[in-house]
Protein backbone atom coordinates (compact mmCIF):
# COMPACT_ATOMS: atom_id res chain seq x y z
CA UNK A 1 14.13 -10.36 8.97
CA UNK A 2 12.19 -11.82 5.66
CA UNK A 3 11.56 -10.21 2.17
CA UNK A 4 7.75 -10.73 2.86
CA UNK A 5 8.63 -8.36 6.69
CA UNK A 6 10.98 -5.98 4.97
CA UNK A 7 8.04 -5.24 2.10
CA UNK A 8 5.15 -5.41 5.02
CA UNK A 9 7.53 -2.45 6.96
CA UNK A 10 8.01 -0.13 4.05
CA UNK A 11 4.48 -0.54 2.82
CA UNK A 12 2.97 0.77 6.59
CA UNK A 13 5.59 3.31 6.45
CA UNK A 14 4.79 4.83 3.66
CA UNK A 15 0.92 4.52 3.58
CA UNK A 16 1.23 6.45 7.32
CA UNK A 17 3.17 9.07 5.45
CA UNK A 18 0.76 9.35 2.46
CA UNK A 19 -1.97 9.49 5.21
CA UNK A 20 0.05 12.45 7.04
CA UNK A 21 0.65 14.06 3.84
CA UNK A 22 -2.45 14.10 1.35
CA UNK A 23 -4.22 17.37 1.49
CA UNK A 24 -1.55 19.30 2.91
CA UNK A 25 0.30 22.09 0.95
CA UNK A 26 3.61 20.95 -0.84
CA UNK A 27 6.45 23.85 0.20
CA UNK A 28 8.92 23.43 -2.72
CA UNK A 29 11.53 24.88 -0.09
CA UNK A 30 11.02 22.14 1.91
CA UNK A 31 12.20 19.38 -0.55
CA UNK A 32 14.94 17.66 0.76
CA UNK A 33 14.98 14.53 -1.71
CA UNK A 34 16.08 15.81 -5.86
CA UNK A 35 13.43 13.54 -6.85
CA UNK A 36 10.76 14.84 -4.75
CA UNK A 37 11.52 18.25 -6.00
CA UNK A 38 11.69 16.99 -9.96
CA UNK A 39 8.13 15.18 -9.22
CA UNK A 40 6.94 18.02 -7.74
CA UNK A 41 8.94 20.48 -11.22
CA UNK A 42 7.30 17.52 -13.27
CA UNK A 43 3.68 17.83 -11.85
CA UNK A 44 3.87 21.41 -12.51
CA UNK A 45 5.08 21.18 -16.33
CA UNK A 46 2.50 18.53 -17.76
CA UNK A 47 -0.43 21.08 -17.40
CA UNK A 48 1.16 23.63 -18.88
CA UNK A 49 2.07 21.09 -22.25
CA UNK A 50 -1.19 20.33 -22.72
CA UNK A 51 -2.31 24.14 -22.69
CA UNK A 52 0.32 25.31 -24.37
CA UNK A 53 0.53 23.00 -27.46
CA UNK A 54 4.45 22.31 -27.09
């Protein structure tokens, strides 16, 4: 399998994953990946930082 085929497969998989999850509620307790948990918390803290003036 060439690098182009691998990239195409990954892009296709990610697009399908996003189509399934966009608009669905995200439950922190169901996020198994540490990176996803950090992104979730970081996404919540960004507006807090802007409004609190840290």
